[in-house]
Amino acid sequence: MNRLMIAASAAALLAASSFAAYAPDITAAVVSVDATAGTVTLDDGKTYTLPQGFDLATLKAGEKVKATVDDADASKITAITEAS
């Protein structure tokens, strides 16, 4: 019985940790881009920091984008592309 409880607990812990590692994707429109700060504000009302080296000139106000938010810091975007 103890082995069954340990196995069930381990499975539950593994399942919970896999959800925590999931980086959410958001789809939104670009409101503004701040090249000096390296940030983009989306129509969800939040301002996100873009990855270093990202070409900010590719983002235009009104453009719909799909962005992946950093797991550890929800104010950072790890990837951003034009939404289809």
Foldseek 3Di string as FASTA:
>chain_A
DVVVVVVVVVVVVVVVVVVLQDWDKDKFFWQDADPVQQWTATPVGAIAHEDPPDDSVVHDGGFIKIFTADSVDRRYTDDIDGDD
